[in-house]
PDB file of N, CA and C in Angstrom:
ATOM      1  N   UNK A   1      17.845  11.227 -12.900  1.00  0.00           N
ATOM      2  CA  UNK A   1      17.688  10.674 -11.551  1.00  0.00           C
ATOM      3  C   UNK A   1      16.371   9.906 -11.470  1.00  0.00           C
ATOM      4  N   UNK A   2      16.463   8.642 -11.121  1.00  0.00           N
ATOM      5  CA  UNK A   2      15.282   7.787 -11.077  1.00  0.00           C
ATOM      6  C   UNK A   2      14.316   8.284 -10.006  1.00  0.00           C
ATOM      7  N   UNK A   3      13.060   7.962 -10.206  1.00  0.00           N
ATOM      8  CA  UNK A   3      12.046   8.339  -9.221  1.00  0.00           C
ATOM      9  C   UNK A   3      12.465   7.826  -7.847  1.00  0.00           C
ATOM     10  N   UNK A   4      12.108   8.598  -6.841  1.00  0.00           N
ATOM     11  CA  UNK A   4      12.504   8.277  -5.473  1.00  0.00           C
ATOM     12  C   UNK A   4      12.147   6.849  -5.064  1.00  0.00           C
ATOM     13  N   UNK A   5      10.950   6.402  -5.426  1.00  0.00           N
ATOM     14  CA  UNK A   5      10.537   5.057  -5.025  1.00  0.00           C
ATOM     15  C   UNK A   5      11.422   3.984  -5.655  1.00  0.00           C
ATOM     16  N   UNK A   6      11.989   4.281  -6.821  1.00  0.00           N
ATOM     17  CA  UNK A   6      12.872   3.322  -7.487  1.00  0.00           C
ATOM     18  C   UNK A   6      14.236   3.242  -6.810  1.00  0.00           C
ATOM     19  N   UNK A   7      14.546   4.219  -5.994  1.00  0.00           N
ATOM     20  CA  UNK A   7      15.843   4.256  -5.311  1.00  0.00           C
ATOM     21  C   UNK A   7      15.715   3.896  -3.832  1.00  0.00           C
ATOM     22  N   UNK A   8      14.560   3.356  -3.443  1.00  0.00           N
ATOM     23  CA  UNK A   8      14.290   3.075  -2.031  1.00  0.00           C
ATOM     24  C   UNK A   8      14.111   1.588  -1.796  1.00  0.00           C
ATOM     25  N   UNK A   9      14.651   1.113  -0.676  1.00  0.00           N
ATOM     26  CA  UNK A   9      14.422  -0.268  -0.244  1.00  0.00           C
ATOM     27  C   UNK A   9      13.758  -0.237   1.130  1.00  0.00           C
ATOM     28  N   UNK A  10      13.054  -1.325   1.421  1.00  0.00           N
ATOM     29  CA  UNK A  10      12.398  -1.492   2.719  1.00  0.00           C
ATOM     30  C   UNK A  10      13.262  -2.446   3.536  1.00  0.00           C
ATOM     31  N   UNK A  11      13.568  -2.038   4.752  1.00  0.00           N
ATOM     32  CA  UNK A  11      14.382  -2.854   5.649  1.00  0.00           C
ATOM     33  C   UNK A  11      13.496  -3.352   6.776  1.00  0.00           C
ATOM     34  N   UNK A  12      13.398  -4.670   6.923  1.00  0.00           N
ATOM     35  CA  UNK A  12      12.644  -5.252   8.034  1.00  0.00           C
ATOM     36  C   UNK A  12      13.622  -5.968   8.958  1.00  0.00           C
ATOM     37  N   UNK A  13      13.261  -6.065  10.227  1.00  0.00           N
ATOM     38  CA  UNK A  13      14.123  -6.734  11.199  1.00  0.00           C
ATOM     39  C   UNK A  13      15.019  -5.790  11.963  1.00  0.00           C
ATOM     40  N   UNK A  14      14.770  -4.480  11.845  1.00  0.00           N
ATOM     41  CA  UNK A  14      15.563  -3.499  12.604  1.00  0.00           C
ATOM     42  C   UNK A  14      15.233  -3.682  14.082  1.00  0.00           C
ATOM     43  N   UNK A  15      16.241  -3.881  14.926  1.00  0.00           N
ATOM     44  CA  UNK A  15      15.953  -4.084  16.353  1.00  0.00           C
ATOM     45  C   UNK A  15      15.388  -2.805  16.983  1.00  0.00           C
ATOM     46  N   UNK A  16      14.139  -2.865  17.361  1.00  0.00           N
ATOM     47  CA  UNK A  16      13.469  -1.684  17.918  1.00  0.00           C
ATOM     48  C   UNK A  16      13.663  -1.617  19.430  1.00  0.00           C
ATOM     49  N   UNK A  17      13.770  -0.412  19.929  1.00  0.00           N
ATOM     50  CA  UNK A  17      13.795  -0.202  21.368  1.00  0.00           C
ATOM     51  C   UNK A  17      15.137  -0.387  22.046  1.00  0.00           C
ATOM     52  N   UNK A  18      16.165  -0.765  21.303  1.00  0.00           N
ATOM     53  CA  UNK A  18      17.478  -0.980  21.917  1.00  0.00           C
ATOM     54  C   UNK A  18      18.247   0.326  22.078  1.00  0.00           C
ATOM     55  N   UNK A  19      18.167   1.162  21.068  1.00  0.00           N
ATOM     56  CA  UNK A  19      18.928   2.405  21.028  1.00  0.00           C
ATOM     57  C   UNK A  19      17.988   3.547  20.667  1.00  0.00           C
ATOM     58  N   UNK A  20      18.471   4.768  20.831  1.00  0.00           N
ATOM     59  CA  UNK A  20      17.672   5.904  20.398  1.00  0.00           C
ATOM     60  C   UNK A  20      17.499   5.838  18.884  1.00  0.00           C
ATOM     61  N   UNK A  21      16.360   6.340  18.418  1.00  0.00           N
ATOM     62  CA  UNK A  21      16.034   6.243  16.994  1.00  0.00           C
ATOM     63  C   UNK A  21      17.100   6.860  16.103  1.00  0.00           C
ATOM     64  N   UNK A  22      17.636   8.019  16.508  1.00  0.00           N
ATOM     65  CA  UNK A  22      18.641   8.660  15.650  1.00  0.00           C
ATOM     66  C   UNK A  22      19.927   7.858  15.597  1.00  0.00           C
ATOM     67  N   UNK A  23      20.262   7.168  16.695  1.00  0.00           N
ATOM     68  CA  UNK A  23      21.456   6.315  16.715  1.00  0.00           C
ATOM     69  C   UNK A  23      21.255   5.122  15.785  1.00  0.00           C
ATOM     70  N   UNK A  24      20.065   4.522  15.850  1.00  0.00           N
ATOM     71  CA  UNK A  24      19.778   3.383  14.972  1.00  0.00           C
ATOM     72  C   UNK A  24      19.799   3.819  13.507  1.00  0.00           C
ATOM     73  N   UNK A  25      19.275   5.012  13.221  1.00  0.00           N
ATOM     74  CA  UNK A  25      19.308   5.523  11.849  1.00  0.00           C
ATOM     75  C   UNK A  25      20.746   5.688  11.376  1.00  0.00           C
ATOM     76  N   UNK A  26      21.627   6.154  12.262  1.00  0.00           N
ATOM     77  CA  UNK A  26      23.047   6.286  11.914  1.00  0.00           C
ATOM     78  C   UNK A  26      23.667   4.926  11.607  1.00  0.00           C
ATOM     79  N   UNK A  27      23.356   3.932  12.439  1.00  0.00           N
ATOM     80  CA  UNK A  27      23.907   2.590  12.233  1.00  0.00           C
ATOM     81  C   UNK A  27      23.438   2.029  10.893  1.00  0.00           C
ATOM     82  N   UNK A  28      22.160   2.254  10.573  1.00  0.00           N
ATOM     83  CA  UNK A  28      21.635   1.788   9.282  1.00  0.00           C
ATOM     84  C   UNK A  28      22.317   2.506   8.120  1.00  0.00           C
ATOM     85  N   UNK A  29      22.526   3.800   8.270  1.00  0.00           N
ATOM     86  CA  UNK A  29      23.198   4.562   7.212  1.00  0.00           C
ATOM     87  C   UNK A  29      24.589   4.001   6.958  1.00  0.00           C
ATOM     88  N   UNK A  30      25.335   3.777   8.022  1.00  0.00           N
ATOM     89  CA  UNK A  30      26.701   3.241   7.898  1.00  0.00           C
ATOM     90  C   UNK A  30      26.662   1.878   7.207  1.00  0.00           C
ATOM     91  N   UNK A  31      25.731   1.018   7.647  1.00  0.00           N
ATOM     92  CA  UNK A  31      25.635  -0.333   7.069  1.00  0.00           C
ATOM     93  C   UNK A  31      25.418  -0.270   5.558  1.00  0.00           C
ATOM     94  N   UNK A  32      24.484   0.584   5.136  1.00  0.00           N
ATOM     95  CA  UNK A  32      24.117   0.598   3.715  1.00  0.00           C
ATOM     96  C   UNK A  32      25.029   1.470   2.870  1.00  0.00           C
ATOM     97  N   UNK A  33      26.004   2.126   3.495  1.00  0.00           N
ATOM     98  CA  UNK A  33      27.018   2.842   2.720  1.00  0.00           C
ATOM     99  C   UNK A  33      28.263   1.993   2.501  1.00  0.00           C
ATOM    100  N   UNK A  34      28.404   0.909   3.263  1.00  0.00           N
ATOM    101  CA  UNK A  34      29.617   0.085   3.165  1.00  0.00           C
ATOM    102  C   UNK A  34      29.629  -0.741   1.891  1.00  0.00           C
ATOM    103  N   UNK A  35      30.784  -0.748   1.226  1.00  0.00           N
ATOM    104  CA  UNK A  35      30.894  -1.528  -0.005  1.00  0.00           C
ATOM    105  C   UNK A  35      30.773  -3.018   0.270  1.00  0.00           C
ATOM    106  N   UNK A  36      31.173  -3.482   1.449  1.00  0.00           N
ATOM    107  CA  UNK A  36      31.070  -4.917   1.732  1.00  0.00           C
ATOM    108  C   UNK A  36      29.611  -5.368   1.842  1.00  0.00           C
ATOM    109  N   UNK A  37      28.703  -4.407   2.029  1.00  0.00           N
ATOM    110  CA  UNK A  37      27.272  -4.712   2.045  1.00  0.00           C
ATOM    111  C   UNK A  37      26.620  -4.378   0.699  1.00  0.00           C
ATOM    112  N   UNK A  38      27.475  -4.221  -0.337  1.00  0.00           N
ATOM    113  CA  UNK A  38      27.014  -3.840  -1.676  1.00  0.00           C
ATOM    114  C   UNK A  38      26.339  -2.473  -1.655  1.00  0.00           C
ATOM    115  N   UNK A  39      26.668  -1.649  -0.672  1.00  0.00           N
ATOM    116  CA  UNK A  39      25.997  -0.367  -0.487  1.00  0.00           C
ATOM    117  C   UNK A  39      26.573   0.752  -1.331  1.00  0.00           C
ATOM    118  N   UNK A  40      26.070   1.939  -1.049  1.00  0.00           N
ATOM    119  CA  UNK A  40      26.505   3.128  -1.764  1.00  0.00           C
ATOM    120  C   UNK A  40      25.978   4.358  -1.052  1.00  0.00           C
ATOM    121  N   UNK A  41      26.024   5.485  -1.730  1.00  0.00           N
ATOM    122  CA  UNK A  41      25.629   6.742  -1.099  1.00  0.00           C
ATOM    123  C   UNK A  41      24.153   6.736  -0.715  1.00  0.00           C
ATOM    124  N   UNK A  42      23.907   6.946   0.575  1.00  0.00           N
ATOM    125  CA  UNK A  42      22.538   6.992   1.092  1.00  0.00           C
ATOM    126  C   UNK A  42      22.054   8.437   1.068  1.00  0.00           C
ATOM    127  N   UNK A  43      20.903   8.643   0.440  1.00  0.00           N
ATOM    128  CA  UNK A  43      20.309   9.981   0.397  1.00  0.00           C
ATOM    129  C   UNK A  43      19.520  10.253   1.674  1.00  0.00           C
ATOM    130  N   UNK A  44      18.766   9.239   2.124  1.00  0.00           N
ATOM    131  CA  UNK A  44      17.923   9.446   3.298  1.00  0.00           C
ATOM    132  C   UNK A  44      17.554   8.125   3.941  1.00  0.00           C
ATOM    133  N   UNK A  45      17.465   8.136   5.266  1.00  0.00           N
ATOM    134  CA  UNK A  45      16.953   7.003   6.038  1.00  0.00           C
ATOM    135  C   UNK A  45      15.657   7.464   6.688  1.00  0.00           C
ATOM    136  N   UNK A  46      14.609   6.671   6.547  1.00  0.00           N
ATOM    137  CA  UNK A  46      13.362   6.966   7.253  1.00  0.00           C
ATOM    138  C   UNK A  46      13.211   5.940   8.370  1.00  0.00           C
ATOM    139  N   UNK A  47      13.437   6.392   9.583  1.00  0.00           N
ATOM    140  CA  UNK A  47      13.334   5.537  10.771  1.00  0.00           C
ATOM    141  C   UNK A  47      13.165   6.434  11.979  1.00  0.00           C
ATOM    142  N   UNK A  48      12.252   6.139  12.877  1.00  0.00           N
ATOM    143  CA  UNK A  48      11.321   4.998  12.838  1.00  0.00           C
ATOM    144  C   UNK A  48      10.176   5.258  11.869  1.00  0.00           C
ATOM    145  N   UNK A  49       9.444   4.181  11.565  1.00  0.00           N
ATOM    146  CA  UNK A  49       8.254   4.287  10.720  1.00  0.00           C
ATOM    147  C   UNK A  49       7.057   3.812  11.542  1.00  0.00           C
ATOM    148  N   UNK A  50       5.895   3.862  10.944  1.00  0.00           N
ATOM    149  CA  UNK A  50       4.696   3.412  11.671  1.00  0.00           C
ATOM    150  C   UNK A  50       4.753   1.926  11.968  1.00  0.00           C
ATOM    151  N   UNK A  51       5.555   1.202  11.215  1.00  0.00           N
ATOM    152  CA  UNK A  51       5.690  -0.241  11.413  1.00  0.00           C
ATOM    153  C   UNK A  51       6.942  -0.521  12.233  1.00  0.00           C
ATOM    154  N   UNK A  52       6.785  -1.153  13.360  1.00  0.00           N
ATOM    155  CA  UNK A  52       7.926  -1.439  14.227  1.00  0.00           C
ATOM    156  C   UNK A  52       8.975  -2.283  13.534  1.00  0.00           C
ATOM    157  N   UNK A  53      10.233  -1.913  13.699  1.00  0.00           N
ATOM    158  CA  UNK A  53      11.321  -2.692  13.127  1.00  0.00           C
ATOM    159  C   UNK A  53      11.518  -2.516  11.636  1.00  0.00           C
ATOM    160  N   UNK A  54      10.842  -1.501  11.065  1.00  0.00           N
ATOM    161  CA  UNK A  54      10.945  -1.269   9.623  1.00  0.00           C
ATOM    162  C   UNK A  54      11.555   0.106   9.367  1.00  0.00           C
ATOM    163  N   UNK A  55      12.457   0.154   8.398  1.00  0.00           N
ATOM    164  CA  UNK A  55      13.067   1.418   7.984  1.00  0.00           C
ATOM    165  C   UNK A  55      13.045   1.479   6.458  1.00  0.00           C
ATOM    166  N   UNK A  56      13.146   2.690   5.934  1.00  0.00           N
ATOM    167  CA  UNK A  56      13.265   2.888   4.489  1.00  0.00           C
ATOM    168  C   UNK A  56      14.607   3.549   4.217  1.00  0.00           C
ATOM    169  N   UNK A  57      15.318   3.012   3.240  1.00  0.00           N
ATOM    170  CA  UNK A  57      16.607   3.575   2.857  1.00  0.00           C
ATOM    171  C   UNK A  57      16.496   4.029   1.399  1.00  0.00           C
ATOM    172  N   UNK A  58      16.755   5.313   1.170  1.00  0.00           N
ATOM    173  CA  UNK A  58      16.756   5.847  -0.189  1.00  0.00           C
ATOM    174  C   UNK A  58      18.195   6.139  -0.586  1.00  0.00           C
ATOM    175  N   UNK A  59      18.614   5.541  -1.701  1.00  0.00           N
ATOM    176  CA  UNK A  59      19.971   5.726  -2.204  1.00  0.00           C
ATOM    177  C   UNK A  59      19.995   6.833  -3.247  1.00  0.00           C
ATOM    178  N   UNK A  60      21.183   7.364  -3.487  1.00  0.00           N
ATOM    179  CA  UNK A  60      21.316   8.386  -4.515  1.00  0.00           C
ATOM    180  C   UNK A  60      21.236   7.791  -5.912  1.00  0.00           C
ATOM    181  N   UNK A  61      21.666   6.528  -6.057  1.00  0.00           N
ATOM    182  CA  UNK A  61      21.658   5.875  -7.367  1.00  0.00           C
ATOM    183  C   UNK A  61      20.835   4.605  -7.332  1.00  0.00           C
ATOM    184  N   UNK A  62      20.049   4.405  -8.357  1.00  0.00           N
ATOM    185  CA  UNK A  62      19.215   3.208  -8.437  1.00  0.00           C
ATOM    186  C   UNK A  62      20.059   1.937  -8.546  1.00  0.00           C
ATOM    187  N   UNK A  63      21.252   2.046  -9.142  1.00  0.00           N
ATOM    188  CA  UNK A  63      22.112   0.860  -9.280  1.00  0.00           C
ATOM    189  C   UNK A  63      22.444   0.265  -7.909  1.00  0.00           C
ATOM    190  N   UNK A  64      22.553   1.121  -6.901  1.00  0.00           N
ATOM    191  CA  UNK A  64      22.883   0.632  -5.553  1.00  0.00           C
ATOM    192  C   UNK A  64      21.751  -0.243  -5.027  1.00  0.00           C
ATOM    193  N   UNK A  65      20.516   0.122  -5.343  1.00  0.00           N
ATOM    194  CA  UNK A  65      19.370  -0.689  -4.916  1.00  0.00           C
ATOM    195  C   UNK A  65      19.539  -2.112  -5.436  1.00  0.00           C
ATOM    196  N   UNK A  66      19.885  -2.230  -6.720  1.00  0.00           N
ATOM    197  CA  UNK A  66      20.042  -3.556  -7.323  1.00  0.00           C
ATOM    198  C   UNK A  66      21.144  -4.353  -6.627  1.00  0.00           C
ATOM    199  N   UNK A  67      22.270  -3.710  -6.337  1.00  0.00           N
ATOM    200  CA  UNK A  67      23.379  -4.453  -5.719  1.00  0.00           C
ATOM    201  C   UNK A  67      23.064  -4.819  -4.270  1.00  0.00           C
ATOM    202  N   UNK A  68      22.370  -3.939  -3.554  1.00  0.00           N
ATOM    203  CA  UNK A  68      21.989  -4.243  -2.162  1.00  0.00           C
ATOM    204  C   UNK A  68      21.033  -5.438  -2.132  1.00  0.00           C
ATOM    205  N   UNK A  69      20.117  -5.480  -3.087  1.00  0.00           N
ATOM    206  CA  UNK A  69      19.153  -6.587  -3.140  1.00  0.00           C
ATOM    207  C   UNK A  69      19.819  -7.909  -3.501  1.00  0.00           C
ATOM    208  N   UNK A  70      20.965  -7.850  -4.192  1.00  0.00           N
ATOM    209  CA  UNK A  70      21.655  -9.076  -4.605  1.00  0.00           C
ATOM    210  C   UNK A  70      22.411  -9.728  -3.450  1.00  0.00           C
ATOM    211  N   UNK A  71      22.725  -8.963  -2.433  1.00  0.00           N
ATOM    212  CA  UNK A  71      23.497  -9.526  -1.305  1.00  0.00           C
ATOM    213  C   UNK A  71      22.644 -10.562  -0.576  1.00  0.00           C
ATOM    214  N   UNK A  72      23.252 -11.733  -0.327  1.00  0.00           N
ATOM    215  CA  UNK A  72      22.492 -12.834   0.265  1.00  0.00           C
ATOM    216  C   UNK A  72      21.912 -12.483   1.626  1.00  0.00           C
ATOM    217  N   UNK A  73      22.752 -11.987   2.505  1.00  0.00           N
ATOM    218  CA  UNK A  73      22.261 -11.687   3.845  1.00  0.00           C
ATOM    219  C   UNK A  73      22.871 -10.394   4.359  1.00  0.00           C
ATOM    220  N   UNK A  74      22.031  -9.560   4.896  1.00  0.00           N
ATOM    221  CA  UNK A  74      22.488  -8.335   5.539  1.00  0.00           C
ATOM    222  C   UNK A  74      22.453  -8.562   7.042  1.00  0.00           C
ATOM    223  N   UNK A  75      23.614  -8.458   7.669  1.00  0.00           N
ATOM    224  CA  UNK A  75      23.695  -8.573   9.125  1.00  0.00           C
ATOM    225  C   UNK A  75      24.050  -7.207   9.681  1.00  0.00           C
ATOM    226  N   UNK A  76      23.141  -6.661  10.473  1.00  0.00           N
ATOM    227  CA  UNK A  76      23.389  -5.364  11.080  1.00  0.00           C
ATOM    228  C   UNK A  76      24.292  -5.577  12.285  1.00  0.00           C
ATOM    229  N   UNK A  77      25.468  -4.970  12.242  1.00  0.00           N
ATOM    230  CA  UNK A  77      26.397  -5.114  13.363  1.00  0.00           C
ATOM    231  C   UNK A  77      27.043  -3.772  13.678  1.00  0.00           C
ATOM    232  N   UNK A  78      27.157  -3.539  14.968  1.00  0.00           N
ATOM    233  CA  UNK A  78      27.739  -2.292  15.446  1.00  0.00           C
ATOM    234  C   UNK A  78      28.121  -2.535  16.900  1.00  0.00           C
ATOM    235  N   UNK A  79      29.173  -1.874  17.355  1.00  0.00           N
ATOM    236  CA  UNK A  79      29.609  -2.106  18.731  1.00  0.00           C
ATOM    237  C   UNK A  79      28.558  -1.675  19.750  1.00  0.00           C
ATOM    238  N   UNK A  80      27.604  -0.839  19.324  1.00  0.00           N
ATOM    239  CA  UNK A  80      26.547  -0.396  20.243  1.00  0.00           C
ATOM    240  C   UNK A  80      25.400  -1.396  20.322  1.00  0.00           C
ATOM    241  N   UNK A  81      25.421  -2.405  19.466  1.00  0.00           N
ATOM    242  CA  UNK A  81      24.369  -3.431  19.479  1.00  0.00           C
ATOM    243  C   UNK A  81      24.871  -4.667  20.219  1.00  0.00           C
ATOM    244  N   UNK A  82      23.983  -5.331  20.972  1.00  0.00           N
ATOM    245  CA  UNK A  82      24.411  -6.503  21.755  1.00  0.00           C
ATOM    246  C   UNK A  82      24.762  -7.714  20.898  1.00  0.00           C
ATOM    247  N   UNK A  83      24.228  -7.797  19.684  1.00  0.00           N
ATOM    248  CA  UNK A  83      24.524  -8.933  18.800  1.00  0.00           C
ATOM    249  C   UNK A  83      24.290  -8.490  17.361  1.00  0.00           C
ATOM    250  N   UNK A  84      24.471  -9.424  16.425  1.00  0.00           N
ATOM    251  CA  UNK A  84      24.208  -9.134  15.012  1.00  0.00           C
ATOM    252  C   UNK A  84      22.735  -9.405  14.723  1.00  0.00           C
ATOM    253  N   UNK A  85      22.146  -8.549  13.917  1.00  0.00           N
ATOM    254  CA  UNK A  85      20.726  -8.696  13.574  1.00  0.00           C
ATOM    255  C   UNK A  85      20.563  -8.891  12.076  1.00  0.00           C
ATOM    256  N   UNK A  86      19.938 -10.018  11.676  1.00  0.00           N
ATOM    257  CA  UNK A  86      19.688 -10.215  10.242  1.00  0.00           C
ATOM    258  C   UNK A  86      18.587  -9.266   9.773  1.00  0.00           C
ATOM    259  N   UNK A  87      18.815  -8.640   8.642  1.00  0.00           N
ATOM    260  CA  UNK A  87      17.835  -7.714   8.071  1.00  0.00           C
ATOM    261  C   UNK A  87      17.253  -8.308   6.799  1.00  0.00           C
ATOM    262  N   UNK A  88      15.998  -8.045   6.571  1.00  0.00           N
ATOM    263  CA  UNK A  88      15.359  -8.424   5.314  1.00  0.00           C
ATOM    264  C   UNK A  88      15.246  -7.166   4.459  1.00  0.00           C
ATOM    265  N   UNK A  89      15.831  -7.211   3.276  1.00  0.00           N
ATOM    266  CA  UNK A  89      15.836  -6.054   2.383  1.00  0.00           C
ATOM    267  C   UNK A  89      14.969  -6.378   1.168  1.00  0.00           C
ATOM    268  N   UNK A  90      13.954  -5.548   0.947  1.00  0.00           N
ATOM    269  CA  UNK A  90      13.077  -5.765  -0.203  1.00  0.00           C
ATOM    270  C   UNK A  90      12.908  -4.465  -0.975  1.00  0.00           C
ATOM    271  N   UNK A  91      12.523  -4.605  -2.216  1.00  0.00           N
ATOM    272  CA  UNK A  91      12.284  -3.462  -3.075  1.00  0.00           C
ATOM    273  C   UNK A  91      11.075  -2.695  -2.547  1.00  0.00           C
ATOM    274  N   UNK A  92      11.164  -1.384  -2.552  1.00  0.00           N
ATOM    275  CA  UNK A  92      10.030  -0.561  -2.146  1.00  0.00           C
ATOM    276  C   UNK A  92       9.013  -0.549  -3.272  1.00  0.00           C
ATOM    277  N   UNK A  93       7.753  -0.690  -2.909  1.00  0.00           N
ATOM    278  CA  UNK A  93       6.714  -0.489  -3.909  1.00  0.00           C
ATOM    279  C   UNK A  93       5.663   0.411  -3.284  1.00  0.00           C
ATOM    280  N   UNK A  94       4.889   1.059  -4.113  1.00  0.00           N
ATOM    281  CA  UNK A  94       3.945   2.029  -3.587  1.00  0.00           C
ATOM    282  C   UNK A  94       2.916   1.391  -2.670  1.00  0.00           C
ATOM    283  N   UNK A  95       2.660   0.119  -2.884  1.00  0.00           N
ATOM    284  CA  UNK A  95       1.740  -0.576  -2.004  1.00  0.00           C
ATOM    285  C   UNK A  95       2.553  -1.310  -0.941  1.00  0.00           C
ATOM    286  N   UNK A  96       3.054  -0.557   0.009  1.00  0.00           N
ATOM    287  CA  UNK A  96       3.977  -1.119   0.999  1.00  0.00           C
ATOM    288  C   UNK A  96       3.283  -2.154   1.863  1.00  0.00           C
ATOM    289  N   UNK A  97       2.015  -1.949   2.165  1.00  0.00           N
ATOM    290  CA  UNK A  97       1.337  -2.889   3.053  1.00  0.00           C
ATOM    291  C   UNK A  97       1.358  -4.300   2.472  1.00  0.00           C
ATOM    292  N   UNK A  98       1.229  -4.435   1.158  1.00  0.00           N
ATOM    293  CA  UNK A  98       1.242  -5.772   0.578  1.00  0.00           C
ATOM    294  C   UNK A  98       2.633  -6.388   0.679  1.00  0.00           C
ATOM    295  N   UNK A  99       3.679  -5.579   0.512  1.00  0.00           N
ATOM    296  CA  UNK A  99       5.026  -6.158   0.620  1.00  0.00           C
ATOM    297  C   UNK A  99       5.328  -6.539   2.070  1.00  0.00           C
ATOM    298  N   UNK A 100       4.815  -5.778   3.020  1.00  0.00           N
ATOM    299  CA  UNK A 100       5.027  -6.136   4.427  1.00  0.00           C
ATOM    300  C   UNK A 100       4.230  -7.389   4.766  1.00  0.00           C
ATOM    301  N   UNK A 101       3.020  -7.510   4.242  1.00  0.00           N
ATOM    302  CA  UNK A 101       2.238  -8.730   4.482  1.00  0.00           C
ATOM    303  C   UNK A 101       2.984  -9.925   3.905  1.00  0.00           C
ATOM    304  N   UNK A 102       3.604  -9.739   2.757  1.00  0.00           N
ATOM    305  CA  UNK A 102       4.375 -10.810   2.141  1.00  0.00           C
ATOM    306  C   UNK A 102       5.518 -11.227   3.076  1.00  0.00           C
ATOM    307  N   UNK A 103       6.185 -10.257   3.690  1.00  0.00           N
ATOM    308  CA  UNK A 103       7.280 -10.577   4.613  1.00  0.00           C
ATOM    309  C   UNK A 103       6.765 -11.360   5.812  1.00  0.00           C
ATOM    310  N   UNK A 104       5.607 -10.959   6.311  1.00  0.00           N
ATOM    311  CA  UNK A 104       5.057 -11.614   7.495  1.00  0.00           C
ATOM    312  C   UNK A 104       4.691 -13.056   7.169  1.00  0.00           C
ATOM    313  N   UNK A 105       4.242 -13.297   5.941  1.00  0.00           N
ATOM    314  CA  UNK A 105       3.826 -14.635   5.541  1.00  0.00           C
ATOM    315  C   UNK A 105       5.015 -15.574   5.366  1.00  0.00           C
ATOM    316  N   UNK A 106       6.208 -15.027   5.111  1.00  0.00           N
ATOM    317  CA  UNK A 106       7.377 -15.874   4.837  1.00  0.00           C
ATOM    318  C   UNK A 106       7.749 -16.728   6.029  1.00  0.00           C
TER     319      UNK A 106
END
């Protein structure tokens, strides 16, 4: 089993404040388990985090991380959300602040 950080992705663009945190975590879990999103078995969702609109998704298999990262665009959609939300999915690294700064600069 690969190290936890190798099985984790960072999700940016999570719509904050629309739904209760546990409901949003459920929606994220469903999204990243769907095969149409190149997903797979989710071990854990970390949401909310100290950074608004950011969640961490840890998969059971590292291969799922690779396939999720290959998908061109992740659109978060659920009947409880008013619209579709584009998500930015990046590889987790131990220096998360630098990867978040990179996202902000894009």
